[in-house]
């Protein structure tokens, strides 16, 4: 998603809150008091209320945003900036983009987001047979990049390449080969 697409989808605080509410409901709301998962939404309070113990759960409760005083729109903007490029963004640049005077606020915001992203990424694991190899890329005269194996001229740069593979299986016999696809 580009920044322009982001701003079209999330132009204001209300759109960010509505999206966040839908995401929370998709995952399911659990009462901290009784563990019940049946809740109903109180529109005037912007909270869920447990149908059995009547305990109220706020929109931010149990998330990385809990106890933060920043708006949803600022959180969403920060997440968009952090994930829109491969190179990332510094806290100083984020401070400038969001218009904050205090560096520490933005630094903590970015670290909370990184922590949440790290927890989510730890749920995924590669399994099966995994090959790791290195390839050398040479920039040709026609400015196209070609993949070569082995060592070559000085204009090459060493790049690590990793791919997940699945062993070949003979469909007739069901025998699994040691070679990978």
N, C-alpha and C. Protein backbone atom coordinates (compact mmCIF):
# COMPACT_ATOMS: atom_id res chain seq x y z
N UNK A 1 0.85 -1.16 0.00
CA UNK A 1 0.00 0.00 0.00
C UNK A 1 0.91 1.24 0.00
N UNK A 2 0.66 2.14 -0.91
CA UNK A 2 1.42 3.38 -0.97
C UNK A 2 0.86 4.37 0.06
N UNK A 3 1.61 5.43 0.31
CA UNK A 3 1.15 6.45 1.25
C UNK A 3 -0.14 7.11 0.73
N UNK A 4 -0.22 7.33 -0.58
CA UNK A 4 -1.43 7.93 -1.15
C UNK A 4 -2.65 7.03 -0.96
N UNK A 5 -2.47 5.71 -1.18
CA UNK A 5 -3.57 4.77 -0.96
C UNK A 5 -3.95 4.73 0.52
N UNK A 6 -2.94 4.79 1.37
CA UNK A 6 -3.20 4.80 2.81
C UNK A 6 -4.06 6.01 3.19
N UNK A 7 -3.69 7.18 2.70
CA UNK A 7 -4.43 8.40 3.03
C UNK A 7 -5.85 8.38 2.47
N UNK A 8 -6.08 7.67 1.37
CA UNK A 8 -7.44 7.53 0.85
C UNK A 8 -8.26 6.58 1.73
N UNK A 9 -7.64 5.50 2.20
CA UNK A 9 -8.35 4.51 3.02
C UNK A 9 -8.54 4.99 4.46
N UNK A 10 -7.57 5.75 4.97
CA UNK A 10 -7.62 6.21 6.36
C UNK A 10 -7.41 7.73 6.44
N UNK A 11 -8.39 8.50 6.00
CA UNK A 11 -8.21 9.96 5.96
C UNK A 11 -8.32 10.65 7.32
N UNK A 12 -8.96 10.00 8.30
CA UNK A 12 -9.19 10.68 9.58
C UNK A 12 -9.19 9.68 10.73
N UNK A 13 -9.38 10.22 11.93
CA UNK A 13 -9.38 9.42 13.16
C UNK A 13 -10.49 8.37 13.15
N UNK A 14 -11.67 8.75 12.70
CA UNK A 14 -12.83 7.85 12.73
C UNK A 14 -12.61 6.61 11.85
N UNK A 15 -12.05 6.79 10.67
CA UNK A 15 -11.80 5.64 9.78
C UNK A 15 -10.78 4.69 10.39
N UNK A 16 -9.77 5.24 11.07
CA UNK A 16 -8.76 4.39 11.73
C UNK A 16 -9.38 3.61 12.88
N UNK A 17 -10.20 4.28 13.69
CA UNK A 17 -10.87 3.62 14.82
C UNK A 17 -11.80 2.51 14.32
N UNK A 18 -12.55 2.78 13.26
CA UNK A 18 -13.49 1.80 12.72
C UNK A 18 -12.73 0.57 12.21
N UNK A 19 -11.64 0.79 11.51
CA UNK A 19 -10.83 -0.31 11.00
C UNK A 19 -10.25 -1.13 12.15
N UNK A 20 -9.74 -0.45 13.18
CA UNK A 20 -9.16 -1.13 14.33
C UNK A 20 -10.21 -1.96 15.06
N UNK A 21 -11.41 -1.40 15.19
CA UNK A 21 -12.52 -2.11 15.84
C UNK A 21 -12.85 -3.41 15.08
N UNK A 22 -12.90 -3.33 13.76
CA UNK A 22 -13.19 -4.52 12.95
C UNK A 22 -12.09 -5.57 13.09
N UNK A 23 -10.83 -5.11 13.14
CA UNK A 23 -9.72 -6.04 13.31
C UNK A 23 -9.78 -6.74 14.67
N UNK A 24 -10.11 -6.01 15.71
CA UNK A 24 -10.23 -6.59 17.05
C UNK A 24 -11.36 -7.62 17.09
N UNK A 25 -12.51 -7.28 16.47
CA UNK A 25 -13.65 -8.20 16.46
C UNK A 25 -13.34 -9.46 15.67
N UNK A 26 -12.53 -9.34 14.62
CA UNK A 26 -12.14 -10.50 13.83
C UNK A 26 -11.33 -11.48 14.69
N UNK A 27 -10.47 -10.95 15.54
CA UNK A 27 -9.64 -11.79 16.41
C UNK A 27 -10.40 -12.31 17.61
N UNK A 28 -11.46 -11.60 17.99
CA UNK A 28 -12.26 -12.02 19.13
C UNK A 28 -11.90 -11.26 20.39
N UNK A 29 -12.92 -10.85 21.12
CA UNK A 29 -12.75 -10.11 22.37
C UNK A 29 -13.02 -11.06 23.52
N UNK A 30 -12.11 -11.09 24.48
CA UNK A 30 -12.26 -11.95 25.65
C UNK A 30 -12.29 -11.07 26.90
N UNK A 31 -13.26 -11.32 27.77
CA UNK A 31 -13.37 -10.56 29.01
C UNK A 31 -12.21 -10.90 29.93
N UNK A 32 -11.55 -9.88 30.47
CA UNK A 32 -10.44 -10.10 31.41
C UNK A 32 -10.96 -10.64 32.75
N UNK A 33 -12.22 -10.39 33.03
CA UNK A 33 -12.80 -10.77 34.33
C UNK A 33 -13.27 -12.22 34.35
N UNK A 34 -14.08 -12.61 33.35
CA UNK A 34 -14.66 -13.96 33.39
C UNK A 34 -14.20 -14.87 32.24
N UNK A 35 -13.52 -14.32 31.23
CA UNK A 35 -13.04 -15.14 30.12
C UNK A 35 -14.08 -15.38 29.04
N UNK A 36 -15.26 -14.81 29.19
CA UNK A 36 -16.34 -14.96 28.21
C UNK A 36 -15.95 -14.27 26.91
N UNK A 37 -16.38 -14.84 25.78
CA UNK A 37 -16.06 -14.25 24.48
C UNK A 37 -17.27 -13.66 23.79
N UNK A 38 -18.39 -13.59 24.49
CA UNK A 38 -19.59 -13.01 23.92
C UNK A 38 -19.75 -11.58 24.43
N UNK A 39 -19.62 -10.62 23.52
CA UNK A 39 -19.67 -9.21 23.86
C UNK A 39 -20.63 -8.48 22.93
N UNK A 40 -21.05 -7.33 23.36
CA UNK A 40 -21.79 -6.45 22.47
C UNK A 40 -21.17 -5.07 22.54
N UNK A 41 -21.37 -4.29 21.48
CA UNK A 41 -20.71 -3.01 21.30
C UNK A 41 -21.56 -1.87 21.86
N UNK A 42 -20.95 -1.02 22.68
CA UNK A 42 -21.59 0.18 23.20
C UNK A 42 -21.10 1.36 22.36
N UNK A 43 -21.91 1.79 21.42
CA UNK A 43 -21.50 2.82 20.48
C UNK A 43 -21.17 4.14 21.17
N UNK A 44 -21.97 4.54 22.15
CA UNK A 44 -21.75 5.82 22.83
C UNK A 44 -20.43 5.84 23.60
N UNK A 45 -19.97 4.69 24.09
CA UNK A 45 -18.73 4.61 24.88
C UNK A 45 -17.53 4.14 24.06
N UNK A 46 -17.76 3.60 22.87
CA UNK A 46 -16.74 2.98 22.04
C UNK A 46 -16.02 1.89 22.83
N UNK A 47 -16.84 0.99 23.44
CA UNK A 47 -16.33 -0.12 24.23
C UNK A 47 -17.19 -1.35 24.00
N UNK A 48 -16.62 -2.52 24.28
CA UNK A 48 -17.38 -3.75 24.28
C UNK A 48 -17.78 -4.04 25.71
N UNK A 49 -18.93 -4.65 25.87
CA UNK A 49 -19.36 -5.05 27.21
C UNK A 49 -19.65 -6.54 27.18
N UNK A 50 -19.14 -7.25 28.17
CA UNK A 50 -19.34 -8.69 28.27
C UNK A 50 -20.81 -8.97 28.56
N UNK A 51 -21.36 -9.94 27.88
CA UNK A 51 -22.78 -10.24 28.07
C UNK A 51 -23.05 -11.01 29.36
N UNK A 52 -22.02 -11.62 29.96
CA UNK A 52 -22.27 -12.35 31.20
C UNK A 52 -21.89 -11.55 32.45
N UNK A 53 -20.70 -10.95 32.49
CA UNK A 53 -20.28 -10.24 33.71
C UNK A 53 -20.39 -8.72 33.57
N UNK A 54 -20.71 -8.24 32.39
CA UNK A 54 -20.89 -6.81 32.09
C UNK A 54 -19.59 -6.00 32.21
N UNK A 55 -18.43 -6.69 32.20
CA UNK A 55 -17.14 -6.01 32.23
C UNK A 55 -16.91 -5.33 30.89
N UNK A 56 -16.42 -4.11 30.91
CA UNK A 56 -16.21 -3.36 29.69
C UNK A 56 -14.74 -3.43 29.24
N UNK A 57 -14.57 -3.60 27.94
CA UNK A 57 -13.25 -3.66 27.33
C UNK A 57 -13.12 -2.51 26.35
N UNK A 58 -12.09 -1.69 26.53
CA UNK A 58 -11.90 -0.56 25.64
C UNK A 58 -11.29 -1.02 24.32
N UNK A 59 -11.28 -0.13 23.37
CA UNK A 59 -10.73 -0.43 22.05
C UNK A 59 -9.23 -0.72 22.12
N UNK A 60 -8.53 -0.06 23.03
CA UNK A 60 -7.08 -0.21 23.13
C UNK A 60 -6.63 -1.28 24.12
N UNK A 61 -7.53 -1.77 24.94
CA UNK A 61 -7.19 -2.73 25.99
C UNK A 61 -6.54 -3.99 25.42
N UNK A 62 -5.38 -4.34 25.95
CA UNK A 62 -4.68 -5.56 25.54
C UNK A 62 -3.88 -5.41 24.25
N UNK A 63 -3.70 -4.19 23.76
CA UNK A 63 -2.93 -3.97 22.54
C UNK A 63 -1.67 -3.18 22.85
N UNK A 64 -0.80 -3.02 21.85
CA UNK A 64 0.41 -2.22 22.06
C UNK A 64 0.06 -0.75 22.25
N UNK A 65 -1.15 -0.37 21.88
CA UNK A 65 -1.58 1.02 22.02
C UNK A 65 -2.15 1.34 23.40
N UNK A 66 -2.32 0.32 24.22
CA UNK A 66 -2.91 0.52 25.54
C UNK A 66 -2.08 1.52 26.35
N UNK A 67 -2.72 2.41 27.01
CA UNK A 67 -2.15 3.46 27.87
C UNK A 67 -1.39 4.54 27.10
N UNK A 68 -1.45 4.51 25.78
CA UNK A 68 -0.83 5.58 24.98
C UNK A 68 -1.84 6.69 24.76
N UNK A 69 -1.36 7.91 24.68
CA UNK A 69 -2.25 9.04 24.51
C UNK A 69 -2.28 9.55 23.08
N UNK A 70 -1.61 8.86 22.17
CA UNK A 70 -1.57 9.26 20.77
C UNK A 70 -2.86 8.85 20.07
N UNK A 71 -3.22 9.58 19.05
CA UNK A 71 -4.44 9.27 18.30
C UNK A 71 -4.23 8.03 17.42
N UNK A 72 -5.34 7.40 17.06
CA UNK A 72 -5.29 6.24 16.16
C UNK A 72 -4.65 6.64 14.84
N UNK A 73 -5.00 7.81 14.36
CA UNK A 73 -4.49 8.26 13.06
C UNK A 73 -2.97 8.38 13.08
N UNK A 74 -2.39 8.86 14.19
CA UNK A 74 -0.93 8.95 14.32
C UNK A 74 -0.30 7.56 14.35
N UNK A 75 -0.92 6.63 15.09
CA UNK A 75 -0.43 5.25 15.13
C UNK A 75 -0.45 4.66 13.72
N UNK A 76 -1.57 4.82 13.03
CA UNK A 76 -1.70 4.26 11.69
C UNK A 76 -0.70 4.90 10.72
N UNK A 77 -0.51 6.21 10.81
CA UNK A 77 0.46 6.89 9.96
C UNK A 77 1.87 6.36 10.22
N UNK A 78 2.20 6.20 11.47
CA UNK A 78 3.52 5.68 11.83
C UNK A 78 3.72 4.27 11.27
N UNK A 79 2.72 3.42 11.40
CA UNK A 79 2.82 2.05 10.86
C UNK A 79 2.97 2.08 9.34
N UNK A 80 2.26 3.00 8.68
CA UNK A 80 2.34 3.11 7.22
C UNK A 80 3.74 3.56 6.80
N UNK A 81 4.29 4.57 7.48
CA UNK A 81 5.63 5.04 7.14
C UNK A 81 6.67 3.96 7.39
N UNK A 82 6.53 3.22 8.48
CA UNK A 82 7.51 2.20 8.82
C UNK A 82 7.49 1.01 7.86
N UNK A 83 6.33 0.73 7.29
CA UNK A 83 6.23 -0.45 6.43
C UNK A 83 6.18 -0.12 4.94
N UNK A 84 6.26 1.15 4.58
CA UNK A 84 6.12 1.51 3.16
C UNK A 84 7.41 1.37 2.36
N UNK A 85 8.57 1.35 3.02
CA UNK A 85 9.83 1.20 2.30
C UNK A 85 10.67 0.10 2.93
N UNK A 86 11.57 -0.47 2.14
CA UNK A 86 12.45 -1.50 2.64
C UNK A 86 13.52 -0.93 3.56
N UNK A 87 13.92 0.31 3.31
CA UNK A 87 15.00 0.91 4.08
C UNK A 87 14.56 1.37 5.45
N UNK A 88 13.28 1.55 5.67
CA UNK A 88 12.80 2.00 6.97
C UNK A 88 12.87 3.51 7.11
N UNK A 89 12.61 3.98 8.30
CA UNK A 89 12.59 5.41 8.56
C UNK A 89 13.12 5.64 9.96
N UNK A 90 13.89 6.70 10.13
CA UNK A 90 14.46 6.99 11.45
C UNK A 90 13.41 7.65 12.33
N UNK A 91 13.64 7.59 13.63
CA UNK A 91 12.72 8.23 14.57
C UNK A 91 12.73 9.74 14.40
N UNK A 92 13.88 10.30 14.03
CA UNK A 92 13.97 11.74 13.80
C UNK A 92 13.13 12.16 12.59
N UNK A 93 13.19 11.37 11.52
CA UNK A 93 12.37 11.67 10.34
C UNK A 93 10.89 11.45 10.65
N UNK A 94 10.58 10.42 11.43
CA UNK A 94 9.18 10.18 11.81
C UNK A 94 8.66 11.35 12.65
N UNK A 95 9.49 11.86 13.54
CA UNK A 95 9.11 13.00 14.35
C UNK A 95 8.77 14.20 13.46
N UNK A 96 9.58 14.41 12.43
CA UNK A 96 9.34 15.51 11.50
C UNK A 96 8.06 15.29 10.70
N UNK A 97 7.85 14.06 10.24
CA UNK A 97 6.66 13.76 9.43
C UNK A 97 5.37 13.88 10.23
N UNK A 98 5.39 13.45 11.49
CA UNK A 98 4.19 13.50 12.32
C UNK A 98 3.98 14.85 13.00
N UNK A 99 5.02 15.68 12.99
CA UNK A 99 4.90 17.01 13.56
C UNK A 99 4.97 17.05 15.08
N UNK A 100 5.73 16.14 15.68
CA UNK A 100 5.88 16.12 17.13
C UNK A 100 7.11 16.90 17.56
N UNK A 101 7.03 17.53 18.73
CA UNK A 101 8.15 18.29 19.26
C UNK A 101 9.11 17.39 20.03
N UNK A 102 8.59 16.33 20.65
CA UNK A 102 9.42 15.47 21.50
C UNK A 102 9.86 14.21 20.74
N UNK A 103 11.16 14.02 20.73
CA UNK A 103 11.75 12.86 20.06
C UNK A 103 11.40 11.57 20.79
N UNK A 104 11.43 11.60 22.13
CA UNK A 104 11.20 10.40 22.95
C UNK A 104 9.85 9.75 22.70
N UNK A 105 8.82 10.57 22.49
CA UNK A 105 7.48 10.03 22.22
C UNK A 105 7.48 9.20 20.95
N UNK A 106 8.07 9.74 19.90
CA UNK A 106 8.10 9.04 18.61
C UNK A 106 9.00 7.82 18.70
N UNK A 107 10.11 7.92 19.40
CA UNK A 107 11.02 6.79 19.55
C UNK A 107 10.31 5.62 20.23
N UNK A 108 9.58 5.90 21.34
CA UNK A 108 8.84 4.84 22.05
C UNK A 108 7.73 4.26 21.16
N UNK A 109 7.04 5.12 20.42
CA UNK A 109 5.99 4.67 19.50
C UNK A 109 6.55 3.69 18.49
N UNK A 110 7.67 4.03 17.88
CA UNK A 110 8.28 3.16 16.88
C UNK A 110 8.76 1.84 17.49
N UNK A 111 9.29 1.89 18.71
CA UNK A 111 9.75 0.66 19.35
C UNK A 111 8.58 -0.25 19.73
N UNK A 112 7.47 0.31 20.12
CA UNK A 112 6.28 -0.51 20.40
C UNK A 112 5.79 -1.19 19.13
N UNK A 113 5.80 -0.46 18.02
CA UNK A 113 5.37 -1.04 16.74
C UNK A 113 6.33 -2.14 16.31
N UNK A 114 7.64 -1.89 16.43
CA UNK A 114 8.63 -2.92 16.06
C UNK A 114 8.48 -4.16 16.92
N UNK A 115 8.21 -3.98 18.21
CA UNK A 115 8.01 -5.11 19.11
C UNK A 115 6.79 -5.93 18.67
N UNK A 116 5.70 -5.25 18.33
CA UNK A 116 4.51 -5.94 17.84
C UNK A 116 4.75 -6.67 16.54
N UNK A 117 5.52 -6.06 15.64
CA UNK A 117 5.85 -6.71 14.37
C UNK A 117 6.72 -7.94 14.61
N UNK A 118 7.65 -7.84 15.56
CA UNK A 118 8.52 -8.97 15.89
C UNK A 118 7.75 -10.13 16.47
N UNK A 119 6.78 -9.84 17.33
CA UNK A 119 5.96 -10.91 17.92
C UNK A 119 5.14 -11.61 16.83
N UNK A 120 4.61 -10.82 15.89
CA UNK A 120 3.82 -11.41 14.82
C UNK A 120 4.70 -12.26 13.91
N UNK A 121 5.90 -11.78 13.59
CA UNK A 121 6.81 -12.53 12.72
C UNK A 121 7.28 -13.82 13.37
N UNK A 122 7.36 -13.85 14.70
CA UNK A 122 7.82 -15.07 15.38
C UNK A 122 6.79 -16.20 15.30
N UNK A 123 5.57 -15.89 14.89
CA UNK A 123 4.55 -16.93 14.73
C UNK A 123 4.79 -17.77 13.48
N UNK A 124 5.54 -17.22 12.51
CA UNK A 124 5.79 -17.92 11.25
C UNK A 124 7.14 -18.61 11.31
N UNK A 125 7.17 -19.87 10.88
CA UNK A 125 8.41 -20.62 10.87
C UNK A 125 8.54 -21.33 9.54
N UNK A 126 9.76 -21.33 9.01
CA UNK A 126 10.04 -22.11 7.82
C UNK A 126 10.15 -23.56 8.25
N UNK A 127 9.65 -24.48 7.43
CA UNK A 127 9.79 -25.88 7.78
C UNK A 127 10.12 -26.67 6.53
N UNK A 128 10.46 -27.89 6.71
CA UNK A 128 10.85 -28.71 5.58
C UNK A 128 12.33 -28.50 5.28
N UNK A 129 12.72 -28.78 4.06
CA UNK A 129 14.11 -28.64 3.66
C UNK A 129 14.33 -27.24 3.11
N UNK A 130 15.34 -26.56 3.62
CA UNK A 130 15.63 -25.18 3.23
C UNK A 130 17.05 -25.12 2.70
N UNK A 131 17.23 -24.54 1.51
CA UNK A 131 18.56 -24.38 0.93
C UNK A 131 19.00 -22.94 1.10
N UNK A 132 20.28 -22.76 1.36
CA UNK A 132 20.84 -21.42 1.46
C UNK A 132 22.06 -21.38 0.56
N UNK A 133 22.12 -20.41 -0.33
CA UNK A 133 23.21 -20.31 -1.28
C UNK A 133 23.53 -18.84 -1.49
N UNK A 134 24.64 -18.57 -2.12
CA UNK A 134 24.94 -17.19 -2.46
C UNK A 134 25.05 -17.07 -3.96
N UNK A 135 24.64 -15.94 -4.47
CA UNK A 135 24.71 -15.69 -5.91
C UNK A 135 25.49 -14.42 -6.15
N UNK A 136 26.04 -14.29 -7.34
CA UNK A 136 26.80 -13.10 -7.70
C UNK A 136 26.06 -12.41 -8.84
N UNK A 137 25.80 -11.14 -8.68
CA UNK A 137 25.07 -10.38 -9.68
C UNK A 137 26.04 -9.47 -10.41
N UNK A 138 25.96 -9.47 -11.73
CA UNK A 138 26.83 -8.63 -12.54
C UNK A 138 25.97 -7.65 -13.31
N UNK A 139 26.38 -6.39 -13.33
CA UNK A 139 25.63 -5.40 -14.08
C UNK A 139 26.21 -5.36 -15.48
N UNK A 140 25.39 -5.72 -16.47
CA UNK A 140 25.83 -5.77 -17.85
C UNK A 140 25.81 -4.37 -18.47
N UNK A 141 26.36 -4.27 -19.67
CA UNK A 141 26.41 -2.99 -20.38
C UNK A 141 25.01 -2.47 -20.67
N UNK A 142 24.07 -3.38 -20.93
CA UNK A 142 22.69 -2.97 -21.25
C UNK A 142 21.90 -2.63 -19.99
N UNK A 143 22.59 -2.51 -18.84
CA UNK A 143 21.98 -2.14 -17.55
C UNK A 143 20.97 -3.18 -17.05
N UNK A 144 21.01 -4.41 -17.55
CA UNK A 144 20.17 -5.48 -17.02
C UNK A 144 21.01 -6.31 -16.07
N UNK A 145 20.38 -6.79 -15.02
CA UNK A 145 21.11 -7.58 -14.02
C UNK A 145 20.99 -9.05 -14.36
N UNK A 146 22.14 -9.75 -14.40
CA UNK A 146 22.16 -11.16 -14.72
C UNK A 146 22.66 -11.94 -13.51
N UNK A 147 22.09 -13.09 -13.26
CA UNK A 147 22.53 -13.94 -12.15
C UNK A 147 23.58 -14.91 -12.68
N UNK A 148 24.74 -14.94 -12.03
CA UNK A 148 25.80 -15.87 -12.40
C UNK A 148 26.20 -16.65 -11.17
N UNK A 149 26.66 -17.86 -11.38
CA UNK A 149 27.17 -18.66 -10.28
C UNK A 149 28.69 -18.56 -10.29
N UNK A 150 29.30 -18.60 -9.13
CA UNK A 150 30.75 -18.56 -9.04
C UNK A 150 31.28 -17.15 -9.02
N UNK A 151 32.59 -17.03 -9.06
CA UNK A 151 33.25 -15.73 -8.99
C UNK A 151 33.46 -15.17 -10.40
N UNK A 152 33.46 -13.87 -10.52
CA UNK A 152 33.61 -13.24 -11.84
C UNK A 152 34.38 -11.95 -11.75
N UNK A 153 33.96 -10.97 -12.54
CA UNK A 153 34.69 -9.70 -12.62
C UNK A 153 34.47 -8.85 -11.37
N UNK A 154 35.12 -7.70 -11.32
CA UNK A 154 35.07 -6.83 -10.16
C UNK A 154 33.74 -6.11 -10.02
N UNK A 155 32.91 -6.05 -11.04
CA UNK A 155 31.65 -5.32 -10.98
C UNK A 155 30.55 -6.14 -10.32
N UNK A 156 30.87 -7.29 -9.79
CA UNK A 156 29.88 -8.15 -9.15
C UNK A 156 29.76 -7.82 -7.68
N UNK A 157 28.59 -8.09 -7.13
CA UNK A 157 28.42 -7.93 -5.69
C UNK A 157 27.82 -9.21 -5.13
N UNK A 158 28.29 -9.62 -3.98
CA UNK A 158 27.86 -10.85 -3.34
C UNK A 158 26.52 -10.62 -2.63
N UNK A 159 25.53 -11.44 -2.94
CA UNK A 159 24.19 -11.32 -2.36
C UNK A 159 23.75 -12.68 -1.85
N UNK A 160 23.29 -12.73 -0.61
CA UNK A 160 22.79 -13.99 -0.06
C UNK A 160 21.40 -14.27 -0.62
N UNK A 161 21.14 -15.51 -0.99
CA UNK A 161 19.86 -15.91 -1.55
C UNK A 161 19.35 -17.09 -0.74
N UNK A 162 18.09 -17.03 -0.29
CA UNK A 162 17.52 -18.13 0.46
C UNK A 162 16.16 -18.46 -0.11
N UNK A 163 15.85 -19.75 -0.26
CA UNK A 163 14.56 -20.17 -0.79
C UNK A 163 14.10 -21.41 -0.06
N UNK A 164 12.80 -21.52 0.16
CA UNK A 164 12.23 -22.71 0.79
C UNK A 164 11.93 -23.70 -0.32
N UNK A 165 12.28 -24.95 -0.12
CA UNK A 165 12.10 -25.97 -1.15
C UNK A 165 11.27 -27.12 -0.62
N UNK A 166 10.69 -27.85 -1.54
CA UNK A 166 9.97 -29.06 -1.17
C UNK A 166 10.59 -30.23 -1.92
N UNK A 167 10.81 -31.36 -1.23
CA UNK A 167 11.39 -32.52 -1.91
C UNK A 167 10.48 -33.03 -3.03
N UNK A 168 11.10 -33.52 -4.09
CA UNK A 168 10.34 -34.08 -5.21
C UNK A 168 9.75 -35.43 -4.80
N UNK A 169 8.55 -35.68 -5.24
CA UNK A 169 7.88 -36.94 -4.92
C UNK A 169 7.39 -37.56 -6.23
N UNK A 170 7.70 -38.84 -6.42
CA UNK A 170 7.23 -39.55 -7.60
C UNK A 170 5.74 -39.83 -7.41
N UNK A 171 4.91 -39.36 -8.33
CA UNK A 171 3.47 -39.49 -8.18
C UNK A 171 2.99 -40.92 -8.27
N UNK A 172 3.68 -41.75 -9.04
CA UNK A 172 3.26 -43.15 -9.21
C UNK A 172 3.64 -44.01 -8.01
N UNK A 173 4.89 -43.87 -7.52
CA UNK A 173 5.34 -44.74 -6.44
C UNK A 173 5.22 -44.09 -5.06
N UNK A 174 5.14 -42.78 -5.02
CA UNK A 174 5.07 -42.09 -3.73
C UNK A 174 6.43 -41.94 -3.07
N UNK A 175 7.52 -42.32 -3.79
CA UNK A 175 8.86 -42.24 -3.24
C UNK A 175 9.34 -40.79 -3.24
N UNK A 176 9.92 -40.36 -2.13
CA UNK A 176 10.41 -38.99 -1.99
C UNK A 176 11.90 -38.96 -2.33
N UNK A 177 12.27 -38.07 -3.24
CA UNK A 177 13.65 -37.95 -3.67
C UNK A 177 14.42 -37.02 -2.74
N UNK A 178 15.73 -37.17 -2.73
CA UNK A 178 16.55 -36.27 -1.92
C UNK A 178 16.79 -34.93 -2.62
N UNK A 179 16.45 -34.85 -3.90
CA UNK A 179 16.59 -33.60 -4.64
C UNK A 179 15.38 -32.70 -4.34
N UNK A 180 15.61 -31.42 -4.41
CA UNK A 180 14.54 -30.47 -4.12
C UNK A 180 14.06 -29.77 -5.39
N UNK A 181 12.86 -29.26 -5.29
CA UNK A 181 12.27 -28.54 -6.41
C UNK A 181 12.41 -27.06 -6.10
